[in-house]
N, C-alpha and C. Protein backbone atom coordinates (compact mmCIF):
# COMPACT_ATOMS: atom_id res chain seq x y z
N MET A 1 -10.89 -13.01 28.90
CA MET A 1 -10.97 -13.16 27.55
C MET A 1 -10.38 -14.57 27.25
N LEU A 2 -11.21 -15.37 26.56
CA LEU A 2 -10.69 -16.72 26.23
C LEU A 2 -9.68 -16.69 25.10
N LYS A 3 -8.59 -17.36 25.25
CA LYS A 3 -7.55 -17.37 24.23
C LYS A 3 -7.75 -18.66 23.52
N HIS A 4 -7.97 -18.69 22.22
CA HIS A 4 -8.14 -19.85 21.40
C HIS A 4 -6.69 -20.45 20.99
N ARG A 5 -6.32 -21.39 21.86
CA ARG A 5 -5.11 -22.11 21.67
C ARG A 5 -4.98 -22.87 20.26
N GLY A 6 -3.95 -22.66 19.57
CA GLY A 6 -3.75 -23.43 18.31
C GLY A 6 -4.34 -22.69 17.17
N PHE A 7 -5.05 -21.53 17.34
CA PHE A 7 -5.57 -20.76 16.19
C PHE A 7 -4.45 -19.90 15.68
N PRO A 8 -4.31 -19.83 14.38
CA PRO A 8 -3.19 -19.04 13.75
C PRO A 8 -3.22 -17.59 14.12
N GLY A 9 -2.13 -17.08 14.47
CA GLY A 9 -2.04 -15.67 14.85
C GLY A 9 -2.21 -14.72 13.75
N ARG A 10 -1.79 -14.98 12.59
CA ARG A 10 -1.87 -14.06 11.38
C ARG A 10 -1.75 -14.84 10.14
N LEU A 11 -2.00 -14.16 9.06
CA LEU A 11 -1.79 -14.69 7.71
C LEU A 11 -0.27 -14.67 7.44
N PRO A 12 0.40 -15.85 7.27
CA PRO A 12 1.88 -15.84 7.03
C PRO A 12 2.27 -14.97 6.02
N GLY A 13 3.43 -14.17 6.25
CA GLY A 13 4.01 -13.30 5.34
C GLY A 13 3.34 -11.91 5.27
N THR A 14 2.30 -11.68 6.22
CA THR A 14 1.72 -10.40 6.14
C THR A 14 1.54 -9.82 7.54
N ASP A 15 0.89 -8.62 7.59
CA ASP A 15 0.56 -8.12 8.89
C ASP A 15 -0.97 -8.18 9.30
N PHE A 16 -1.58 -9.10 8.54
CA PHE A 16 -3.09 -9.26 8.81
C PHE A 16 -3.17 -10.25 10.01
N GLN A 17 -3.54 -9.74 11.09
CA GLN A 17 -3.57 -10.53 12.35
C GLN A 17 -5.03 -11.16 12.46
N PHE A 18 -5.07 -12.43 13.05
CA PHE A 18 -6.24 -13.11 13.23
C PHE A 18 -6.65 -13.19 14.82
N VAL A 19 -5.66 -12.95 15.69
CA VAL A 19 -5.97 -12.88 17.14
C VAL A 19 -5.32 -11.74 17.73
N ILE A 20 -5.75 -11.41 18.89
CA ILE A 20 -5.15 -10.31 19.70
C ILE A 20 -4.43 -10.92 20.93
N ARG A 21 -3.46 -10.27 21.43
CA ARG A 21 -2.72 -10.87 22.58
C ARG A 21 -3.36 -10.59 23.92
N ARG A 22 -3.95 -9.47 24.11
CA ARG A 22 -4.51 -9.15 25.47
C ARG A 22 -5.79 -8.21 25.17
N PRO A 23 -6.61 -8.13 26.14
CA PRO A 23 -7.79 -7.29 26.05
C PRO A 23 -7.47 -5.87 25.86
N ASN A 24 -8.21 -5.08 25.16
CA ASN A 24 -8.04 -3.59 24.88
C ASN A 24 -8.39 -2.97 26.24
N PRO A 25 -7.35 -2.10 26.80
CA PRO A 25 -7.62 -1.47 28.02
C PRO A 25 -8.65 -0.39 27.93
N LYS A 26 -8.91 0.14 26.68
CA LYS A 26 -9.90 1.15 26.48
C LYS A 26 -11.22 0.70 26.33
N GLY A 27 -11.39 -0.62 26.20
CA GLY A 27 -12.78 -1.31 25.99
C GLY A 27 -12.73 -2.16 24.89
N VAL A 28 -13.76 -2.94 24.79
CA VAL A 28 -13.80 -3.99 23.71
C VAL A 28 -14.23 -3.34 22.34
N THR A 29 -13.42 -3.70 21.30
CA THR A 29 -13.77 -3.22 20.05
C THR A 29 -15.03 -3.93 19.51
N PRO A 30 -16.12 -3.22 19.19
CA PRO A 30 -17.36 -3.80 18.75
C PRO A 30 -17.30 -4.47 17.44
N LEU A 31 -17.94 -5.59 17.21
CA LEU A 31 -18.04 -6.32 15.94
C LEU A 31 -19.16 -5.45 15.26
N ILE A 32 -18.82 -5.22 13.94
CA ILE A 32 -19.67 -4.41 13.01
C ILE A 32 -19.67 -5.23 11.74
N LYS A 33 -20.74 -4.97 10.93
CA LYS A 33 -20.77 -5.66 9.55
C LYS A 33 -20.05 -4.67 8.61
N ARG A 34 -18.92 -5.13 8.07
CA ARG A 34 -18.20 -4.32 7.00
C ARG A 34 -18.53 -4.78 5.60
N GLU A 35 -18.71 -3.82 4.81
CA GLU A 35 -19.02 -4.13 3.41
C GLU A 35 -17.73 -4.60 2.65
N ARG A 36 -17.75 -5.76 1.98
CA ARG A 36 -16.73 -6.14 1.06
C ARG A 36 -16.94 -5.78 -0.34
N TYR A 37 -16.16 -4.97 -0.88
CA TYR A 37 -16.35 -4.46 -2.29
C TYR A 37 -15.58 -5.32 -3.25
N ARG A 38 -16.00 -5.40 -4.48
CA ARG A 38 -15.32 -6.23 -5.47
C ARG A 38 -13.93 -5.86 -5.86
N ASP A 39 -13.61 -4.53 -5.54
CA ASP A 39 -12.29 -4.10 -5.90
C ASP A 39 -11.20 -4.20 -4.82
N ARG A 40 -11.44 -5.10 -3.83
CA ARG A 40 -10.48 -5.26 -2.76
C ARG A 40 -9.30 -5.92 -3.29
N ARG A 41 -8.19 -5.66 -2.72
CA ARG A 41 -6.89 -6.17 -3.07
C ARG A 41 -6.89 -7.74 -2.92
N ALA A 42 -6.17 -8.41 -3.72
CA ALA A 42 -6.04 -9.95 -3.62
C ALA A 42 -5.58 -10.38 -2.29
N VAL A 43 -4.67 -9.68 -1.70
CA VAL A 43 -4.15 -10.15 -0.43
C VAL A 43 -5.28 -9.97 0.68
N ASP A 44 -6.13 -8.99 0.59
CA ASP A 44 -7.21 -8.79 1.49
C ASP A 44 -8.14 -10.03 1.32
N ARG A 45 -8.54 -10.45 0.11
CA ARG A 45 -9.35 -11.47 -0.14
C ARG A 45 -8.70 -12.81 0.35
N LYS A 46 -7.36 -12.91 0.24
CA LYS A 46 -6.64 -14.08 0.77
C LYS A 46 -6.77 -14.15 2.26
N ALA A 47 -6.61 -13.05 2.86
CA ALA A 47 -6.78 -12.98 4.37
C ALA A 47 -8.07 -13.45 4.77
N ASP A 48 -9.13 -12.98 4.17
CA ASP A 48 -10.57 -13.37 4.51
C ASP A 48 -10.62 -14.88 4.30
N THR A 49 -10.19 -15.44 3.20
CA THR A 49 -10.30 -16.77 2.90
C THR A 49 -9.55 -17.63 3.98
N ALA A 50 -8.37 -17.20 4.24
CA ALA A 50 -7.47 -17.97 5.30
C ALA A 50 -8.18 -17.88 6.64
N PHE A 51 -8.69 -16.72 7.07
CA PHE A 51 -9.37 -16.62 8.31
C PHE A 51 -10.66 -17.51 8.47
N MET A 52 -11.36 -17.47 7.34
CA MET A 52 -12.60 -18.34 7.25
C MET A 52 -12.19 -19.81 7.35
N GLY A 53 -11.17 -20.24 6.64
CA GLY A 53 -10.62 -21.54 6.75
C GLY A 53 -10.21 -21.98 8.07
N ALA A 54 -9.50 -21.02 8.72
CA ALA A 54 -9.14 -21.28 10.18
C ALA A 54 -10.22 -21.44 11.08
N LEU A 55 -11.27 -20.57 10.90
CA LEU A 55 -12.52 -20.63 11.72
C LEU A 55 -13.20 -21.94 11.62
N TRP A 56 -13.28 -22.46 10.28
CA TRP A 56 -13.88 -23.72 10.07
C TRP A 56 -13.07 -24.91 10.57
N ALA A 57 -11.85 -24.87 10.41
CA ALA A 57 -10.90 -25.88 10.82
C ALA A 57 -10.90 -26.02 12.47
N HIS A 58 -11.04 -24.85 13.01
CA HIS A 58 -11.01 -24.79 14.50
C HIS A 58 -12.28 -25.13 15.09
N PHE A 59 -13.40 -24.53 14.64
CA PHE A 59 -14.72 -24.66 15.25
C PHE A 59 -15.73 -25.45 14.53
N GLY A 60 -15.59 -25.59 13.31
CA GLY A 60 -16.67 -26.25 12.49
C GLY A 60 -18.00 -25.52 12.58
N ASP A 61 -19.09 -26.44 12.70
CA ASP A 61 -20.34 -25.80 12.73
C ASP A 61 -20.87 -25.57 14.24
N GLU A 62 -20.04 -25.70 15.13
CA GLU A 62 -20.36 -25.45 16.53
C GLU A 62 -20.13 -23.95 16.95
N PRO A 63 -21.11 -23.50 17.83
CA PRO A 63 -20.88 -22.13 18.33
C PRO A 63 -19.52 -21.92 19.03
N PHE A 64 -19.01 -20.72 18.96
CA PHE A 64 -17.74 -20.48 19.62
C PHE A 64 -17.77 -19.03 20.18
N GLU A 65 -16.89 -18.92 21.21
CA GLU A 65 -16.76 -17.67 21.82
C GLU A 65 -15.87 -16.74 21.16
N ARG A 66 -16.19 -15.42 21.08
CA ARG A 66 -15.19 -14.43 20.35
C ARG A 66 -13.95 -14.46 20.90
N GLY A 67 -13.71 -14.42 22.24
CA GLY A 67 -12.57 -14.42 22.85
C GLY A 67 -11.48 -13.52 22.32
N ASN A 68 -10.28 -14.10 21.82
CA ASN A 68 -9.21 -13.22 21.43
C ASN A 68 -9.17 -13.14 19.95
N LEU A 69 -10.31 -13.53 19.22
CA LEU A 69 -10.26 -13.38 17.75
C LEU A 69 -10.33 -11.83 17.46
N ASP A 70 -9.59 -11.38 16.40
CA ASP A 70 -9.50 -10.01 16.05
C ASP A 70 -10.79 -9.44 15.63
N ALA A 71 -11.25 -8.39 16.27
CA ALA A 71 -12.61 -7.75 15.81
C ALA A 71 -12.59 -7.21 14.37
N GLY A 72 -11.47 -6.70 13.99
CA GLY A 72 -11.41 -6.15 12.64
C GLY A 72 -11.48 -7.26 11.61
N ARG A 73 -10.88 -8.35 11.78
CA ARG A 73 -11.01 -9.48 10.81
C ARG A 73 -12.33 -10.15 10.91
N LEU A 74 -12.83 -10.27 12.14
CA LEU A 74 -14.20 -10.84 12.23
C LEU A 74 -15.24 -9.94 11.61
N SER A 75 -15.10 -8.70 11.64
CA SER A 75 -16.04 -7.74 11.14
C SER A 75 -16.19 -7.88 9.61
N TRP A 76 -15.19 -8.32 8.88
CA TRP A 76 -15.31 -8.49 7.45
C TRP A 76 -16.20 -9.57 7.10
N LEU A 77 -16.42 -10.60 8.11
CA LEU A 77 -17.35 -11.77 7.85
C LEU A 77 -18.65 -11.65 8.65
N PHE A 78 -18.71 -10.77 9.67
CA PHE A 78 -19.80 -10.70 10.51
C PHE A 78 -21.09 -10.22 9.81
N GLY A 79 -22.17 -10.89 10.08
CA GLY A 79 -23.49 -10.62 9.50
C GLY A 79 -23.67 -11.44 8.26
N ARG A 80 -22.77 -12.14 7.78
CA ARG A 80 -22.86 -12.96 6.54
C ARG A 80 -22.47 -14.37 6.88
N GLU A 81 -21.22 -14.49 6.76
CA GLU A 81 -20.51 -15.91 7.04
C GLU A 81 -20.43 -16.21 8.57
N VAL A 82 -20.35 -15.28 9.38
CA VAL A 82 -20.32 -15.43 10.84
C VAL A 82 -21.47 -14.70 11.48
N LEU A 83 -22.34 -15.41 12.21
CA LEU A 83 -23.45 -14.81 12.79
C LEU A 83 -23.55 -14.84 14.25
N PRO A 84 -24.25 -13.94 14.91
CA PRO A 84 -24.45 -13.94 16.32
C PRO A 84 -25.23 -15.31 16.73
N TYR A 85 -24.72 -15.91 17.81
CA TYR A 85 -25.44 -17.12 18.31
C TYR A 85 -26.26 -16.66 19.59
N ASP A 86 -25.78 -15.75 20.30
CA ASP A 86 -26.53 -15.25 21.50
C ASP A 86 -27.81 -14.47 21.12
N ASP A 87 -28.75 -14.51 21.97
CA ASP A 87 -29.91 -13.61 21.82
C ASP A 87 -30.31 -13.06 23.16
N PRO A 88 -30.06 -11.83 23.55
CA PRO A 88 -29.62 -10.78 22.73
C PRO A 88 -28.00 -10.88 22.56
N PHE A 89 -27.52 -10.32 21.41
CA PHE A 89 -26.07 -10.41 21.13
C PHE A 89 -25.49 -9.14 21.54
N ASP A 90 -24.30 -9.22 22.30
CA ASP A 90 -23.58 -8.07 22.67
C ASP A 90 -22.33 -7.98 21.78
N PRO A 91 -22.22 -7.07 20.88
CA PRO A 91 -21.07 -6.92 19.94
C PRO A 91 -19.89 -6.44 20.67
N GLU A 92 -19.94 -5.96 21.98
CA GLU A 92 -18.81 -5.38 22.65
C GLU A 92 -18.48 -6.40 23.76
N SER A 93 -18.62 -7.66 23.65
CA SER A 93 -18.27 -8.58 24.69
C SER A 93 -17.30 -9.70 24.16
N TYR A 94 -16.17 -9.99 24.77
CA TYR A 94 -15.32 -11.08 24.46
C TYR A 94 -16.03 -12.45 24.70
N GLU A 95 -17.09 -12.47 25.53
CA GLU A 95 -17.75 -13.75 25.79
C GLU A 95 -18.94 -14.03 24.83
N SER A 96 -19.17 -13.13 23.92
CA SER A 96 -20.29 -13.41 22.98
C SER A 96 -20.08 -14.61 22.21
N LEU A 97 -21.15 -15.35 21.88
CA LEU A 97 -21.04 -16.63 21.09
C LEU A 97 -21.30 -16.24 19.62
N LEU A 98 -20.59 -16.86 18.72
CA LEU A 98 -20.83 -16.70 17.30
C LEU A 98 -20.86 -18.10 16.69
N VAL A 99 -21.33 -18.14 15.44
CA VAL A 99 -21.53 -19.41 14.71
C VAL A 99 -21.24 -19.12 13.20
N ILE A 100 -20.73 -20.11 12.56
CA ILE A 100 -20.45 -20.00 11.13
C ILE A 100 -21.79 -20.36 10.34
N ASN A 101 -22.11 -19.48 9.44
CA ASN A 101 -23.28 -19.69 8.57
C ASN A 101 -22.69 -20.53 7.40
N GLU A 102 -22.80 -21.81 7.53
CA GLU A 102 -22.04 -22.70 6.62
C GLU A 102 -22.45 -22.51 5.24
N PRO A 103 -23.74 -22.54 4.87
CA PRO A 103 -24.07 -22.38 3.48
C PRO A 103 -23.52 -21.02 2.82
N VAL A 104 -23.62 -19.95 3.57
CA VAL A 104 -23.13 -18.64 3.01
C VAL A 104 -21.65 -18.72 2.92
N ALA A 105 -20.97 -19.24 3.95
CA ALA A 105 -19.61 -19.27 4.07
C ALA A 105 -19.03 -20.11 2.84
N ARG A 106 -19.58 -21.24 2.59
CA ARG A 106 -19.12 -22.13 1.57
C ARG A 106 -19.26 -21.44 0.09
N ALA A 107 -20.39 -20.68 0.01
CA ALA A 107 -20.57 -19.96 -1.24
C ALA A 107 -19.61 -18.84 -1.46
N SER A 108 -19.23 -18.08 -0.29
CA SER A 108 -18.41 -17.02 -0.36
C SER A 108 -16.92 -17.43 -0.51
N PHE A 109 -16.54 -18.47 0.16
CA PHE A 109 -15.21 -18.89 0.33
C PHE A 109 -15.05 -20.39 0.07
N PRO A 110 -15.28 -20.87 -1.12
CA PRO A 110 -15.20 -22.27 -1.40
C PRO A 110 -13.82 -22.95 -1.09
N GLU A 111 -12.75 -22.10 -1.32
CA GLU A 111 -11.41 -22.71 -1.06
C GLU A 111 -11.16 -22.94 0.43
N ALA A 112 -11.89 -22.26 1.22
CA ALA A 112 -11.68 -22.34 2.73
C ALA A 112 -12.14 -23.75 3.21
N PHE A 113 -12.94 -24.40 2.44
CA PHE A 113 -13.52 -25.67 2.83
C PHE A 113 -12.94 -26.87 2.08
N ASP A 114 -11.90 -26.54 1.15
CA ASP A 114 -11.24 -27.67 0.52
C ASP A 114 -10.43 -28.48 1.50
N ASP A 115 -10.46 -29.68 1.36
CA ASP A 115 -9.65 -30.59 2.19
C ASP A 115 -8.16 -30.55 1.96
N ASN A 116 -7.73 -29.97 0.78
CA ASN A 116 -6.39 -29.94 0.37
C ASN A 116 -5.64 -28.72 1.13
N GLU A 117 -6.37 -27.79 1.55
CA GLU A 117 -5.75 -26.64 2.22
C GLU A 117 -5.55 -26.86 3.74
N GLU A 118 -4.49 -26.25 4.26
CA GLU A 118 -4.13 -26.41 5.69
C GLU A 118 -4.27 -24.98 6.38
N TRP A 119 -5.35 -24.80 7.03
CA TRP A 119 -5.55 -23.45 7.51
C TRP A 119 -5.35 -23.38 9.08
N ALA A 120 -5.32 -24.35 9.78
CA ALA A 120 -5.15 -24.22 11.26
C ALA A 120 -3.78 -24.53 11.66
């Protein structure tokens, strides 16, 4: 499992993690598309924005390996702002490649792309 050095471990001041420390011994948690509803808490939306900002600051528009990125946090963005790059895509592989869908990500999280914010 690739460890993304320099990637933030969590949203500061919360328990929302962005990376995992080691592979799951029971198997890889699959990436799924989770529905984001309008009534989500403000801190949940802030975590999504911070994670998207960190992804953009770290990888930009280049494909990246899933590696030690948290499956739960990725699943909130998967299928919309973060898309599979591999064909066929294996949602249960740490080596799977992903890419940011920049137009959708910018529309969903405009604050994540502001130059004034520091995400990484």
